Amino acid sequence: MRVVAFPEGQVLLAATEDLIADRPGQWIASVRSDADLLLQARTLIQRAENIAEDYLDQRIRQDTAGALTLAEFLSL
């Protein structure tokens, strides 16, 4: 978790890697395989700074119950 400050106040956010890993996890779990979930994750990766790739790979494996790795996700 991290605190992001704005002029209006502060917001507590989950780590970027956790936000990214959640999307392919939801995609795998979804009956519809909603492509927007993958697009959201790709957008987060493109805009993120200093991604912990080892941790992200671990989280994607965990959130997809071993169905995807980071490399496999990036190749979809």
N, C-alpha and C. Protein backbone atom coordinates (compact mmCIF):
# COMPACT_ATOMS: atom_id res chain seq x y z
N MET A 1 0.84 -1.18 0.00
CA MET A 1 0.00 0.00 0.00
C MET A 1 0.89 1.24 0.00
N ARG A 2 0.39 2.28 -0.61
CA ARG A 2 1.12 3.55 -0.60
C ARG A 2 0.13 4.70 -0.55
N VAL A 3 0.62 5.81 -0.05
CA VAL A 3 -0.18 7.02 0.05
C VAL A 3 0.18 7.94 -1.11
N VAL A 4 -0.83 8.40 -1.82
CA VAL A 4 -0.64 9.35 -2.91
C VAL A 4 -1.32 10.65 -2.48
N ALA A 5 -0.55 11.73 -2.49
CA ALA A 5 -1.06 13.02 -2.04
C ALA A 5 -1.58 13.84 -3.21
N PHE A 6 -2.72 14.45 -3.01
CA PHE A 6 -3.34 15.38 -3.94
C PHE A 6 -3.62 16.66 -3.18
N PRO A 7 -3.80 17.78 -3.88
CA PRO A 7 -4.11 19.03 -3.18
C PRO A 7 -5.35 18.90 -2.28
N GLU A 8 -6.30 18.07 -2.70
CA GLU A 8 -7.54 17.91 -1.95
C GLU A 8 -7.42 16.94 -0.78
N GLY A 9 -6.34 16.17 -0.73
CA GLY A 9 -6.17 15.18 0.33
C GLY A 9 -5.34 14.01 -0.14
N GLN A 10 -5.33 12.96 0.65
CA GLN A 10 -4.52 11.77 0.35
C GLN A 10 -5.41 10.58 0.01
N VAL A 11 -4.84 9.69 -0.81
CA VAL A 11 -5.52 8.46 -1.18
C VAL A 11 -4.58 7.30 -0.90
N LEU A 12 -5.08 6.26 -0.29
CA LEU A 12 -4.32 5.05 -0.03
C LEU A 12 -4.56 4.08 -1.18
N LEU A 13 -3.49 3.68 -1.88
CA LEU A 13 -3.61 2.81 -3.05
C LEU A 13 -2.85 1.51 -2.85
N ALA A 14 -3.37 0.47 -3.47
CA ALA A 14 -2.65 -0.80 -3.51
C ALA A 14 -1.44 -0.65 -4.42
N ALA A 15 -0.47 -1.51 -4.27
CA ALA A 15 0.71 -1.49 -5.13
C ALA A 15 0.28 -1.69 -6.58
N THR A 16 0.97 -1.03 -7.49
CA THR A 16 0.66 -1.12 -8.92
C THR A 16 0.66 -2.56 -9.39
N GLU A 17 1.63 -3.34 -8.93
CA GLU A 17 1.71 -4.75 -9.33
C GLU A 17 0.45 -5.51 -8.92
N ASP A 18 -0.09 -5.19 -7.74
CA ASP A 18 -1.31 -5.86 -7.29
C ASP A 18 -2.50 -5.48 -8.16
N LEU A 19 -2.57 -4.22 -8.54
CA LEU A 19 -3.65 -3.78 -9.43
C LEU A 19 -3.56 -4.47 -10.79
N ILE A 20 -2.33 -4.59 -11.30
CA ILE A 20 -2.12 -5.24 -12.59
C ILE A 20 -2.49 -6.72 -12.51
N ALA A 21 -2.00 -7.42 -11.52
CA ALA A 21 -2.21 -8.87 -11.40
C ALA A 21 -3.69 -9.22 -11.23
N ASP A 22 -4.45 -8.33 -10.62
CA ASP A 22 -5.87 -8.59 -10.42
C ASP A 22 -6.62 -8.73 -11.74
N ARG A 23 -6.23 -7.96 -12.74
CA ARG A 23 -6.96 -7.96 -14.02
C ARG A 23 -6.88 -9.31 -14.74
N PRO A 24 -5.68 -9.90 -14.99
CA PRO A 24 -5.67 -11.22 -15.63
C PRO A 24 -6.31 -12.29 -14.74
N GLY A 25 -6.23 -12.10 -13.43
CA GLY A 25 -6.90 -13.05 -12.53
C GLY A 25 -8.40 -13.03 -12.73
N GLN A 26 -8.97 -11.83 -12.86
CA GLN A 26 -10.41 -11.71 -13.11
C GLN A 26 -10.76 -12.21 -14.52
N TRP A 27 -9.86 -11.98 -15.47
CA TRP A 27 -10.09 -12.44 -16.84
C TRP A 27 -10.17 -13.96 -16.90
N ILE A 28 -9.23 -14.63 -16.22
CA ILE A 28 -9.22 -16.10 -16.18
C ILE A 28 -10.48 -16.63 -15.51
N ALA A 29 -10.92 -15.96 -14.44
CA ALA A 29 -12.08 -16.41 -13.68
C ALA A 29 -13.40 -16.12 -14.37
N SER A 30 -13.40 -15.20 -15.32
CA SER A 30 -14.63 -14.76 -15.96
C SER A 30 -15.08 -15.74 -17.04
N VAL A 31 -16.34 -16.00 -17.07
CA VAL A 31 -16.91 -16.85 -18.12
C VAL A 31 -16.81 -16.14 -19.47
N ARG A 32 -16.94 -14.82 -19.46
CA ARG A 32 -16.93 -14.04 -20.70
C ARG A 32 -15.54 -13.79 -21.25
N SER A 33 -14.49 -13.95 -20.42
CA SER A 33 -13.13 -13.58 -20.81
C SER A 33 -13.10 -12.17 -21.39
N ASP A 34 -13.54 -11.22 -20.58
CA ASP A 34 -13.68 -9.82 -20.96
C ASP A 34 -12.33 -9.22 -21.33
N ALA A 35 -12.15 -8.88 -22.60
CA ALA A 35 -10.89 -8.34 -23.10
C ALA A 35 -10.53 -7.00 -22.45
N ASP A 36 -11.52 -6.27 -21.95
CA ASP A 36 -11.24 -5.00 -21.27
C ASP A 36 -10.36 -5.20 -20.04
N LEU A 37 -10.49 -6.34 -19.38
CA LEU A 37 -9.65 -6.61 -18.21
C LEU A 37 -8.18 -6.68 -18.60
N LEU A 38 -7.88 -7.33 -19.71
CA LEU A 38 -6.50 -7.42 -20.18
C LEU A 38 -6.00 -6.06 -20.65
N LEU A 39 -6.86 -5.29 -21.29
CA LEU A 39 -6.50 -3.95 -21.74
C LEU A 39 -6.16 -3.05 -20.54
N GLN A 40 -6.93 -3.17 -19.48
CA GLN A 40 -6.66 -2.39 -18.27
C GLN A 40 -5.29 -2.74 -17.70
N ALA A 41 -4.98 -4.03 -17.64
CA ALA A 41 -3.68 -4.46 -17.11
C ALA A 41 -2.54 -3.97 -18.00
N ARG A 42 -2.70 -4.08 -19.30
CA ARG A 42 -1.65 -3.60 -20.22
C ARG A 42 -1.44 -2.09 -20.08
N THR A 43 -2.51 -1.36 -19.94
CA THR A 43 -2.42 0.09 -19.77
C THR A 43 -1.68 0.43 -18.49
N LEU A 44 -1.99 -0.27 -17.42
CA LEU A 44 -1.28 -0.04 -16.15
C LEU A 44 0.21 -0.33 -16.29
N ILE A 45 0.56 -1.41 -16.97
CA ILE A 45 1.97 -1.75 -17.17
C ILE A 45 2.67 -0.66 -17.97
N GLN A 46 2.03 -0.18 -19.03
CA GLN A 46 2.64 0.85 -19.87
C GLN A 46 2.87 2.15 -19.12
N ARG A 47 2.00 2.48 -18.20
CA ARG A 47 2.08 3.76 -17.50
C ARG A 47 2.85 3.68 -16.18
N ALA A 48 3.12 2.49 -15.72
CA ALA A 48 3.77 2.31 -14.42
C ALA A 48 5.26 2.60 -14.51
N GLU A 49 5.80 3.00 -13.39
CA GLU A 49 7.24 3.22 -13.25
C GLU A 49 7.78 2.23 -12.23
N ASN A 50 8.95 1.70 -12.52
CA ASN A 50 9.65 0.82 -11.57
C ASN A 50 8.83 -0.39 -11.15
N ILE A 51 8.34 -1.14 -12.11
CA ILE A 51 7.58 -2.36 -11.81
C ILE A 51 8.53 -3.42 -11.26
N ALA A 52 8.12 -4.06 -10.19
CA ALA A 52 8.86 -5.19 -9.63
C ALA A 52 8.41 -6.45 -10.39
N GLU A 53 9.13 -6.78 -11.48
CA GLU A 53 8.68 -7.84 -12.38
C GLU A 53 8.61 -9.20 -11.70
N ASP A 54 9.55 -9.52 -10.83
CA ASP A 54 9.50 -10.81 -10.13
C ASP A 54 8.24 -10.92 -9.28
N TYR A 55 7.94 -9.83 -8.56
CA TYR A 55 6.74 -9.82 -7.73
C TYR A 55 5.48 -9.88 -8.60
N LEU A 56 5.47 -9.12 -9.70
CA LEU A 56 4.32 -9.13 -10.60
C LEU A 56 4.10 -10.52 -11.17
N ASP A 57 5.16 -11.20 -11.59
CA ASP A 57 5.05 -12.56 -12.10
C ASP A 57 4.45 -13.47 -11.03
N GLN A 58 4.94 -13.36 -9.82
CA GLN A 58 4.43 -14.17 -8.70
C GLN A 58 2.94 -13.90 -8.47
N ARG A 59 2.55 -12.63 -8.48
CA ARG A 59 1.15 -12.27 -8.26
C ARG A 59 0.25 -12.75 -9.40
N ILE A 60 0.72 -12.64 -10.65
CA ILE A 60 -0.09 -13.12 -11.77
C ILE A 60 -0.28 -14.63 -11.66
N ARG A 61 0.78 -15.35 -11.34
CA ARG A 61 0.66 -16.80 -11.14
C ARG A 61 -0.35 -17.11 -10.04
N GLN A 62 -0.27 -16.36 -8.96
CA GLN A 62 -1.16 -16.58 -7.82
C GLN A 62 -2.61 -16.23 -8.19
N ASP A 63 -2.82 -15.08 -8.80
CA ASP A 63 -4.18 -14.62 -9.10
C ASP A 63 -4.84 -15.41 -10.22
N THR A 64 -4.05 -16.10 -11.04
CA THR A 64 -4.63 -16.92 -12.12
C THR A 64 -4.57 -18.41 -11.78
N ALA A 65 -4.26 -18.72 -10.53
CA ALA A 65 -4.16 -20.12 -10.07
C ALA A 65 -3.19 -20.91 -10.95
N GLY A 66 -2.09 -20.25 -11.34
CA GLY A 66 -1.05 -20.91 -12.12
C GLY A 66 -1.32 -21.00 -13.61
N ALA A 67 -2.41 -20.41 -14.07
CA ALA A 67 -2.76 -20.51 -15.49
C ALA A 67 -1.92 -19.59 -16.37
N LEU A 68 -1.38 -18.50 -15.79
CA LEU A 68 -0.59 -17.55 -16.56
C LEU A 68 0.64 -17.12 -15.80
N THR A 69 1.70 -16.83 -16.54
CA THR A 69 2.88 -16.16 -16.01
C THR A 69 2.88 -14.73 -16.57
N LEU A 70 3.77 -13.90 -16.08
CA LEU A 70 3.88 -12.55 -16.63
C LEU A 70 4.20 -12.61 -18.12
N ALA A 71 5.15 -13.45 -18.51
CA ALA A 71 5.52 -13.57 -19.93
C ALA A 71 4.35 -14.03 -20.78
N GLU A 72 3.60 -14.99 -20.29
CA GLU A 72 2.43 -15.47 -21.04
C GLU A 72 1.38 -14.38 -21.15
N PHE A 73 1.16 -13.64 -20.07
CA PHE A 73 0.20 -12.55 -20.11
C PHE A 73 0.61 -11.50 -21.14
N LEU A 74 1.88 -11.14 -21.16
CA LEU A 74 2.36 -10.12 -22.08
C LEU A 74 2.24 -10.57 -23.54
N SER A 75 2.22 -11.88 -23.78
CA SER A 75 2.13 -12.37 -25.15
C SER A 75 0.69 -12.57 -25.62
N LEU A 76 -0.28 -12.37 -24.74
CA LEU A 76 -1.69 -12.54 -25.14
C LEU A 76 -2.12 -11.45 -26.11
